[in-house]
Structures are given as structure tokens and as C-alpha cells.
Amino acid sequence: MEKQNLKRTPLYLNHIALKGRMVEFAGYEMPVQYTGLLEETKACRKEVGLFDVSHMGQFSVRGKSSLNELQRLVTNDLSKLQIGQAQYTMLCNETGGVIDDLVIYLRGENHFYICVNASNREADFNWMKSRLSPDVTLEDESDSTALLALQGPKAEGLIAALSKDPEIPQLKYYWAKDGFLMDIPVYISRTGYTGEDGFELYVPSDRAADLWELLLSRGKDYNITPCGLGARDTLRLEMGYPLHGHELNAHMTPLQAGLSWVVKLQKTVPFIGRDALMKQTSSGPDPLLRAFRINDRRIARQGYPVFDEAGNKVGTISSGTHSPHLESPIALAFIEKKWAEAETLWVEIRNAKIPMSRVKLPFVSPHTKKN
């Protein structure tokens, strides 16, 4: 995609001022790093990191029948939500493949607020629009909304210093509330994609730069570090969190990706893809997602083939990086069911077969509020 056709978030000039290294991501010009991937990743684990994730999309669904309408589209059970609570779920096609993974909030009575992946924003909206009845309204609020992520063990302290509402820094994990940080209106959720405690801050686009600068200024007392998408990807991979286009796609199901906990086959409202997922539950998903440490310094990238001891191809790497906290390359891979429990397999990197050891997720211990 040509650079002049790339979209920019409301914080583009702030990234340029910080000398962020800008790259194309999901149709946007986004900062991949500022001071360096390793420094930013470690800062988020030890202190607090600030991310611009305004490329993500936000939809609102409103109407008296909105619960039942959405129940037909997603795999998890939205009837369990209370106002202010969030839920992780999947939007699947008829074969059980993942169109997108979503976070859905019950923001108010008969009002569901949905966060979608940037690259899937248009496809998600069209899929939902064509399957929702005229009894509910679906609005794309992405362009009028910016999203900042504040992640790390010092995030709560910084939020507490900026909010006059004592309930906001004490939000439970996967809960949210409308409020203010100083005079800036924000929908604040205690969620994230790093495995650390933290908050995601939905803010009107025209106040995004004000909030960014406020957090950086007041965050100096907390050793805040602006972080790019490179650190975000490393942090999520250390947790084993899936990324659409890697561990999730229209040809792989949540069951193959190890996400059966977000698939509620017995909920009262049947959802699109349920029959296919029930069938897969009976037969057993194949291939299966597994986690590995690479016994080498080289990194196993997405698409690299995986082999058994005899040299037969048994899988494919879906994500790989160097973990700063393990000081070792790590990877996720889809492995044929027959070989999914093998302790050692081999990945081909630059024509060399490199052994890799299967490990349990997460690679790094999480520190979210629930933990």
C-alpha cells in the first residue's frame, strides 16, 4: 500500500514529535517503536507503557432486541454481562472459522459497545449489518473515537492520580466505566493485550492528543514509556494471546486455537458456526495450536514449516519473536493432532532444521488484575 494512501490516527503528529519509527499496519501509518523494542517491552512489564491503538474499530449496537440479535452472531454468552462488564468473544462464519475476535461491553441498557480489529473493521461491520434486523441500530463510531492503552504495574497509580472518581482505579478486570481523567471524558476499561495490569481508554478523537500528552506529562513520576506496535506484539506473544491473521483466521476455528472457553455451544440462542463447532468438538480439532521455545538464537517466523524427527512436515509457525524476558526465541504453531503432544519438533529456518521444545502457556507469568 502506498504511503500516501495510509490512514493516520489523531496522534500521528505526537508520534512524529517523539521520533517514532512509522510503518504500515492494517492500512494505517503507525509507530512500530520509539526508543527500541526491547526497552519498550521491558518498560511495560516493570513500570508503565503507553500505546496508541486508535486504529482499532468501535461499533455500537442499540435496541431492545440487541442482546438476542448479537447472541446469534458471537460464540460467547452475552447474557452473562452486567452493565459495565466486558467479554472476549469470536465472530465466526458458517464453517466455524474466525471472522474476527472482539471485546464487547454492555455499556448501558440495550447498548453494546464493540471493539474490533482494524483490518477487519469494514468486513465486520458489513457482516453484522447484513445479519442484524431493522429493530436494532449498528453504528460505526471508529472515526470519532481514539483508543489509548496504558499497561504495566504502575498504570493504576497513574490513573488514580488523574481521576477524582475512586471507583475508576479500582475497576475489576474486564469491567469499564465512563468518567474523566482531569477534564477529558474517557470510557475506561480494565483490559489489555499485554498480560500486565492496565487500562484501555476510549476517548473522543478531538481530545486524543490532550490525553496522550497528559499521560506522558503526569506519567514522568511513574517512568512512563511510549511504546510501539513491536512491543505490543512481543508482549501479547509472551502471553500466548492470539492475533487475527496469525492464530485466528476464517479457515481456523476457536477450538483449534485453544479458545474453547469463549465458545458456549449450549447457550439458548444458537449462533452462526455453532453446528460446525459442535461437529469439531465431537471429532476433535485438528490441527492444534501449541507453544514452543526455540533451541537456538534464530527466530521462527510466521509460515515456517515444522517437522517431526523423521523429517515429515507436521505443522506451521503462526507467530514467532525473541522474548526479552526469557532471552530466547518463542513461537506458536499449528501442529497436526497426531504430533500435538510431542515434546520436541523441528522448525526449518534458512534451510536448517532447528529443534524446538513444547512448553505450556503463558511463556511469561501474567499480572492482570484477576491474577
Protein backbone atom coordinates (compact mmCIF):
# COMPACT_ATOMS: atom_id res chain seq x y z
CA MET A 1 0.00 0.00 0.00
CA GLU A 2 1.42 3.37 -1.00
CA LYS A 3 2.28 5.61 1.93
CA GLN A 4 0.07 8.46 0.73
CA ASN A 5 -2.96 6.15 0.93
CA LEU A 6 -2.36 5.17 4.54
CA LYS A 7 -4.71 6.40 7.26
CA ARG A 8 -3.38 8.19 10.31
CA THR A 9 -4.65 8.20 13.87
CA PRO A 10 -5.32 11.51 15.69
CA LEU A 11 -1.91 11.01 17.38
CA TYR A 12 0.20 10.92 14.22
CA LEU A 13 1.91 14.27 14.92
CA ASN A 14 2.59 13.22 18.51
CA HIS A 15 4.40 10.12 17.24
CA ILE A 16 6.44 12.21 14.80
CA ALA A 17 7.39 14.60 17.62
CA LEU A 18 8.67 11.62 19.62
CA LYS A 19 10.62 10.40 16.56
CA GLY A 20 8.58 7.20 16.40
CA ARG A 21 9.54 4.87 13.56
CA MET A 22 6.41 4.73 11.43
CA VAL A 23 5.34 1.66 9.44
CA GLU A 24 2.24 0.44 7.61
CA PHE A 25 -0.11 -1.66 9.74
CA ALA A 26 -3.71 -2.58 8.87
CA GLY A 27 -3.90 0.33 6.46
CA TYR A 28 -2.58 2.86 8.99
CA GLU A 29 0.76 4.61 9.44
CA MET A 30 1.63 3.52 12.98
CA PRO A 31 4.67 3.68 15.29
CA VAL A 32 6.45 0.34 15.48
CA GLN A 33 8.89 1.65 18.10
CA TYR A 34 10.34 4.78 19.69
CA THR A 35 13.43 4.05 21.82
CA GLY A 36 13.62 0.37 20.92
CA LEU A 37 11.56 -2.80 21.09
CA LEU A 38 13.44 -4.40 23.98
CA GLU A 39 13.39 -1.25 26.12
CA GLU A 40 9.69 -0.66 25.48
CA THR A 41 8.75 -4.28 26.19
CA LYS A 42 10.65 -4.32 29.48
CA ALA A 43 9.25 -0.92 30.49
CA CYS A 44 5.71 -2.25 30.14
CA ARG A 45 6.49 -5.29 32.30
CA LYS A 46 8.33 -3.32 35.00
CA GLU A 47 6.72 0.15 35.07
CA VAL A 48 4.13 1.52 32.63
CA GLY A 49 3.84 1.78 28.86
CA LEU A 50 1.56 3.95 26.71
CA PHE A 51 0.28 2.67 23.36
CA ASP A 52 -1.73 4.31 20.59
CA VAL A 53 -4.21 1.69 19.36
CA SER A 54 -6.60 4.12 17.73
CA HIS A 55 -6.52 2.06 14.55
CA MET A 56 -8.90 -0.38 16.26
CA GLY A 57 -12.59 -0.04 15.39
CA GLN A 58 -15.56 0.68 17.66
CA PHE A 59 -19.21 -0.12 16.95
CA SER A 60 -22.38 0.49 18.94
CA VAL A 61 -25.44 -1.74 18.76
CA ARG A 62 -28.61 -0.34 20.33
CA GLY A 63 -32.18 -1.55 20.62
CA LYS A 64 -34.44 -3.64 22.82
CA SER A 65 -33.58 -6.82 20.91
CA SER A 66 -29.83 -6.08 20.73
CA LEU A 67 -28.92 -8.90 23.14
CA ASN A 68 -30.69 -11.63 21.18
CA GLU A 69 -29.50 -10.20 17.87
CA LEU A 70 -25.85 -10.27 18.91
CA GLN A 71 -26.20 -13.66 20.60
CA ARG A 72 -26.84 -15.07 17.12
CA LEU A 73 -23.55 -13.64 15.84
CA VAL A 74 -20.96 -14.36 18.55
CA THR A 75 -19.73 -17.51 20.27
CA ASN A 76 -19.65 -16.38 23.90
CA ASP A 77 -22.74 -15.79 26.07
CA LEU A 78 -23.54 -12.10 26.29
CA SER A 79 -26.48 -12.77 28.61
CA LYS A 80 -23.95 -13.13 31.44
CA LEU A 81 -22.89 -9.48 31.18
CA GLN A 82 -23.86 -6.80 33.66
CA ILE A 83 -23.79 -3.12 32.73
CA GLY A 84 -20.15 -2.04 32.72
CA GLN A 85 -18.78 -5.54 32.10
CA ALA A 86 -16.75 -6.65 29.07
CA GLN A 87 -16.43 -10.02 27.38
CA TYR A 88 -13.98 -11.55 24.90
CA THR A 89 -15.70 -13.40 22.07
CA MET A 90 -15.50 -14.54 18.45
CA LEU A 91 -17.40 -13.66 15.30
CA CYS A 92 -17.49 -16.86 13.23
CA ASN A 93 -18.61 -17.87 9.75
CA GLU A 94 -20.79 -20.89 8.94
CA THR A 95 -17.81 -23.27 8.98
CA GLY A 96 -16.69 -22.08 12.42
CA GLY A 97 -13.77 -20.07 11.07
CA VAL A 98 -12.98 -16.83 12.86
CA ILE A 99 -14.00 -13.65 11.06
CA ASP A 100 -12.66 -11.60 13.99
CA ASP A 101 -12.09 -11.69 17.73
CA LEU A 102 -13.92 -8.97 19.64
CA VAL A 103 -14.26 -7.34 23.03
CA ILE A 104 -17.91 -6.49 23.71
CA TYR A 105 -19.06 -4.21 26.53
CA LEU A 106 -22.56 -3.85 27.90
CA ARG A 107 -22.20 -0.09 28.10
CA GLY A 108 -25.79 0.67 29.05
CA GLU A 109 -29.27 -0.80 28.93
CA ASN A 110 -29.73 -2.27 25.43
CA HIS A 111 -26.39 -0.73 24.36
CA PHE A 112 -23.50 -3.00 23.37
CA TYR A 113 -20.13 -1.40 22.57
CA ILE A 114 -17.82 -3.49 20.38
CA CYS A 115 -14.07 -3.21 19.81
CA VAL A 116 -12.90 -4.83 16.55
CA ASN A 117 -9.57 -5.29 14.81
CA ALA A 118 -8.55 -2.51 12.44
CA SER A 119 -8.01 -4.71 9.39
CA ASN A 120 -11.45 -6.29 9.84
CA ARG A 121 -13.44 -3.14 10.57
CA GLU A 122 -15.27 -2.90 7.24
CA ALA A 123 -15.80 -6.66 6.90
CA ASP A 124 -17.10 -6.95 10.47
CA PHE A 125 -19.49 -4.04 10.02
CA ASN A 126 -20.90 -5.42 6.76
CA TRP A 127 -21.23 -8.94 8.21
CA MET A 128 -23.12 -7.64 11.22
CA LYS A 129 -25.23 -5.17 9.25
CA SER A 130 -26.44 -7.85 6.86
CA ARG A 131 -27.45 -10.13 9.72
CA LEU A 132 -28.99 -7.70 12.21
CA SER A 133 -32.67 -6.87 11.93
CA PRO A 134 -34.04 -3.33 11.45
CA ASP A 135 -35.11 -3.46 15.10
CA VAL A 136 -31.58 -2.53 16.19
CA THR A 137 -29.14 0.14 15.07
CA LEU A 138 -25.50 -0.54 14.25
CA GLU A 139 -23.20 2.49 14.20
CA ASP A 140 -19.50 2.66 13.32
CA GLU A 141 -18.00 5.14 15.81
CA SER A 142 -14.38 4.42 14.91
CA ASP A 143 -13.53 7.72 13.27
CA SER A 144 -14.87 9.75 16.18
CA THR A 145 -13.08 7.58 18.76
CA ALA A 146 -9.41 7.17 19.67
CA LEU A 147 -8.07 4.38 21.85
CA LEU A 148 -5.04 4.53 24.13
CA ALA A 149 -3.70 1.61 26.15
CA LEU A 150 -1.94 2.22 29.46
CA GLN A 151 -0.28 -1.00 30.57
CA GLY A 152 2.05 -2.02 33.37
CA PRO A 153 2.29 -2.36 37.16
CA LYS A 154 2.26 1.42 37.67
CA ALA A 155 -0.80 2.05 35.47
CA GLU A 156 -3.24 2.01 38.39
CA GLY A 157 -1.25 4.63 40.28
CA LEU A 158 -1.20 6.98 37.31
CA ILE A 159 -4.94 6.56 36.68
CA ALA A 160 -5.63 7.23 40.36
CA ALA A 161 -3.60 10.45 40.18
CA LEU A 162 -5.68 11.71 37.23
CA SER A 163 -9.18 10.66 38.31
CA LYS A 164 -11.36 12.16 41.03
CA ASP A 165 -13.58 9.06 40.94
CA PRO A 166 -12.13 6.49 43.39
CA GLU A 167 -14.03 3.68 41.63
CA ILE A 168 -12.10 4.07 38.38
CA PRO A 169 -8.63 2.91 39.51
CA GLN A 170 -10.36 0.07 41.40
CA LEU A 171 -12.23 -1.30 38.39
CA LYS A 172 -12.30 -5.09 38.26
CA TYR A 173 -10.68 -6.96 35.40
CA TYR A 174 -12.80 -6.73 32.24
CA TRP A 175 -15.04 -4.01 33.63
CA ALA A 176 -15.41 -0.44 32.36
CA LYS A 177 -16.88 2.91 33.31
CA ASP A 178 -17.48 6.35 31.83
CA GLY A 179 -15.51 9.04 33.62
CA PHE A 180 -12.92 11.78 33.35
CA LEU A 181 -9.14 11.94 33.51
CA MET A 182 -8.72 15.53 34.61
CA ASP A 183 -11.25 17.26 32.29
CA ILE A 184 -11.06 14.71 29.45
CA PRO A 185 -14.08 12.40 29.01
CA VAL A 186 -12.99 8.78 28.76
CA TYR A 187 -14.62 5.36 28.70
CA ILE A 188 -12.13 3.46 30.84
CA SER A 189 -11.83 -0.33 30.77
CA ARG A 190 -9.51 -2.55 32.76
CA THR A 191 -8.49 -4.71 29.84
CA GLY A 192 -5.40 -5.05 27.68
CA TYR A 193 -3.28 -7.15 25.39
CA THR A 194 -0.01 -7.38 27.31
CA GLY A 195 -0.63 -9.65 30.30
CA GLU A 196 0.08 -6.76 32.63
CA ASP A 197 -2.42 -4.83 34.73
CA GLY A 198 -3.65 -1.84 32.80
CA PHE A 199 -6.40 0.16 31.19
CA GLU A 200 -7.73 0.87 27.73
CA LEU A 201 -9.00 4.42 27.29
CA TYR A 202 -11.67 5.23 24.70
CA VAL A 203 -11.61 8.98 24.13
CA PRO A 204 -13.19 11.39 21.60
CA SER A 205 -10.78 11.79 18.69
CA ASP A 206 -10.53 15.54 19.18
CA ARG A 207 -9.26 15.02 22.75
CA ALA A 208 -6.85 12.18 22.00
CA ALA A 209 -3.75 14.37 21.76
CA ASP A 210 -4.68 16.11 25.03
CA LEU A 211 -4.96 12.75 26.79
CA TRP A 212 -1.71 11.44 25.27
CA GLU A 213 0.24 14.50 26.42
CA LEU A 214 -1.43 14.46 29.84
CA LEU A 215 -0.44 10.83 30.41
CA LEU A 216 3.14 11.42 29.26
CA SER A 217 3.49 14.55 31.40
CA ARG A 218 1.98 13.19 34.61
CA GLY A 219 3.43 9.78 33.88
CA LYS A 220 7.00 11.03 34.30
CA ASP A 221 6.64 10.32 38.03
CA TYR A 222 5.86 6.71 37.08
CA ASN A 223 8.65 6.32 34.49
CA ILE A 224 6.14 6.07 31.65
CA THR A 225 7.42 4.94 28.25
CA PRO A 226 5.66 5.42 24.91
CA CYS A 227 5.51 2.00 23.22
CA GLY A 228 5.02 0.96 19.61
CA LEU A 229 3.31 -1.96 17.94
CA GLY A 230 6.51 -4.01 18.00
CA ALA A 231 6.48 -4.15 21.79
CA ARG A 232 2.74 -4.79 21.78
CA ASP A 233 3.23 -7.85 19.56
CA THR A 234 6.07 -9.20 21.70
CA LEU A 235 4.08 -8.70 24.90
CA ARG A 236 0.98 -10.45 23.55
CA LEU A 237 3.04 -13.36 22.21
CA GLU A 238 4.73 -13.86 25.60
CA MET A 239 1.19 -14.37 26.94
CA GLY A 240 0.17 -16.63 24.08
CA TYR A 241 -2.65 -14.24 23.15
CA PRO A 242 -3.90 -14.83 19.59
CA LEU A 243 -3.59 -12.28 16.81
CA HIS A 244 -6.03 -12.29 13.92
CA GLY A 245 -4.25 -13.19 10.71
CA HIS A 246 -1.85 -15.39 12.69
CA GLU A 247 -3.60 -17.65 15.22
CA LEU A 248 -7.10 -16.70 14.05
CA ASN A 249 -8.49 -16.62 10.53
CA ALA A 250 -11.54 -17.59 8.50
CA HIS A 251 -10.19 -21.11 7.98
CA MET A 252 -9.22 -21.85 11.60
CA THR A 253 -11.71 -22.24 14.44
CA PRO A 254 -11.51 -21.02 18.05
CA LEU A 255 -11.26 -24.67 19.11
CA GLN A 256 -8.12 -25.21 17.03
CA ALA A 257 -6.64 -22.05 18.57
CA GLY A 258 -7.25 -23.34 22.11
CA LEU A 259 -10.09 -20.90 22.78
CA SER A 260 -12.90 -23.31 23.62
CA TRP A 261 -13.60 -21.22 26.73
CA VAL A 262 -15.14 -18.48 24.56
CA VAL A 263 -17.39 -20.94 22.70
CA LYS A 264 -20.68 -21.54 24.53
CA LEU A 265 -22.30 -24.28 22.46
CA GLN A 266 -25.19 -24.72 24.89
CA LYS A 267 -26.37 -21.11 25.14
CA THR A 268 -30.07 -20.72 24.44
CA VAL A 269 -29.64 -18.68 21.25
CA PRO A 270 -27.80 -20.64 18.51
CA PHE A 271 -25.01 -18.68 16.81
CA ILE A 272 -23.55 -18.77 13.32
CA GLY A 273 -20.96 -21.54 13.13
CA ARG A 274 -22.31 -23.49 16.11
CA ASP A 275 -23.14 -26.64 14.14
CA ALA A 276 -19.66 -26.77 12.65
CA LEU A 277 -18.06 -26.23 16.05
CA MET A 278 -20.23 -28.90 17.67
CA LYS A 279 -19.10 -31.34 14.99
CA GLN A 280 -15.48 -30.38 15.54
CA THR A 281 -15.90 -30.82 19.30
CA SER A 282 -17.09 -34.39 18.70
CA SER A 283 -14.30 -35.33 16.30
CA GLY A 284 -11.58 -33.30 17.98
CA PRO A 285 -10.00 -30.19 16.41
CA ASP A 286 -7.05 -30.78 14.10
CA PRO A 287 -4.52 -29.12 13.83
CA LEU A 288 -3.97 -27.67 17.31
CA LEU A 289 -2.13 -24.57 18.47
CA ARG A 290 0.98 -25.27 20.55
CA ALA A 291 3.70 -23.13 22.16
CA PHE A 292 7.46 -23.65 21.76
CA ARG A 293 10.82 -22.30 22.84
CA ILE A 294 13.33 -22.39 20.01
CA ASN A 295 16.62 -24.05 20.98
CA ASP A 296 18.67 -21.55 19.03
CA ARG A 297 19.12 -17.80 18.67
CA ARG A 298 17.29 -17.68 15.35
CA ILE A 299 13.63 -16.63 15.24
CA ALA A 300 10.90 -18.85 13.75
CA ARG A 301 8.66 -16.57 11.67
CA GLN A 302 5.06 -17.00 10.56
CA GLY A 303 4.77 -19.57 7.79
CA TYR A 304 7.94 -21.51 8.60
CA PRO A 305 7.34 -25.28 8.34
CA VAL A 306 7.57 -27.63 11.33
CA PHE A 307 8.80 -31.23 11.08
CA ASP A 308 8.90 -34.41 13.13
CA GLU A 309 12.10 -36.33 13.84
CA ALA A 310 11.77 -38.29 10.60
CA GLY A 311 11.53 -35.10 8.54
CA ASN A 312 7.80 -35.20 7.85
CA LYS A 313 6.04 -31.82 7.80
CA VAL A 314 3.60 -31.76 10.73
CA GLY A 315 2.80 -28.09 11.23
CA THR A 316 3.38 -24.41 10.55
CA ILE A 317 4.54 -21.48 12.69
CA SER A 318 1.79 -18.89 13.23
CA SER A 319 3.80 -16.32 15.27
CA GLY A 320 7.37 -16.02 16.45
CA THR A 321 9.65 -13.49 18.12
CA HIS A 322 12.50 -13.06 20.57
CA SER A 323 11.29 -12.85 24.17
CA PRO A 324 13.28 -10.22 26.11
CA HIS A 325 12.14 -11.74 29.39
CA LEU A 326 13.11 -15.34 28.57
CA GLU A 327 16.10 -14.21 26.49
CA SER A 328 15.07 -16.81 23.96
CA PRO A 329 13.07 -17.06 20.73
CA ILE A 330 9.49 -18.25 21.24
CA ALA A 331 6.78 -19.32 18.82
CA LEU A 332 3.21 -20.50 18.40
CA ALA A 333 2.48 -23.13 15.77
CA PHE A 334 -0.42 -25.16 14.44
CA ILE A 335 0.54 -28.82 14.76
CA GLU A 336 -1.22 -31.89 13.38
CA LYS A 337 -3.19 -33.57 16.15
CA LYS A 338 -1.05 -36.73 15.98
CA TRP A 339 2.05 -34.71 16.87
CA ALA A 340 0.50 -32.02 19.06
CA GLU A 341 1.84 -33.53 22.31
CA ALA A 342 5.37 -34.17 21.03
CA GLU A 343 7.95 -32.69 23.40
CA THR A 344 10.37 -31.81 20.59
CA LEU A 345 9.77 -30.83 16.98
CA TRP A 346 11.94 -29.10 14.39
CA VAL A 347 11.40 -25.82 12.57
CA GLU A 348 13.12 -25.01 9.29
CA ILE A 349 14.94 -21.66 9.44
CA ARG A 350 17.10 -20.71 6.45
CA ASN A 351 17.41 -24.33 5.28
CA ALA A 352 18.43 -25.56 8.74
CA LYS A 353 16.28 -27.79 10.96
CA ILE A 354 16.26 -26.23 14.43
CA PRO A 355 14.87 -28.15 17.44
CA MET A 356 12.15 -26.53 19.50
CA SER A 357 10.69 -27.64 22.82
CA ARG A 358 6.98 -27.63 23.60
CA VAL A 359 6.02 -25.55 26.65
CA LYS A 360 2.82 -24.56 28.41
CA LEU A 361 1.34 -21.11 28.00
CA PRO A 362 1.84 -18.41 29.01
CA PHE A 363 5.55 -18.05 28.31
CA VAL A 364 5.72 -15.28 30.95
CA SER A 365 3.59 -15.08 34.10
CA PRO A 366 0.69 -12.62 33.76
CA HIS A 367 -0.02 -9.81 36.21
CA THR A 368 -3.54 -8.78 35.23
CA LYS A 369 -5.93 -7.71 38.00
CA LYS A 370 -7.53 -11.17 38.05
CA ASN A 371 -4.12 -12.70 38.78
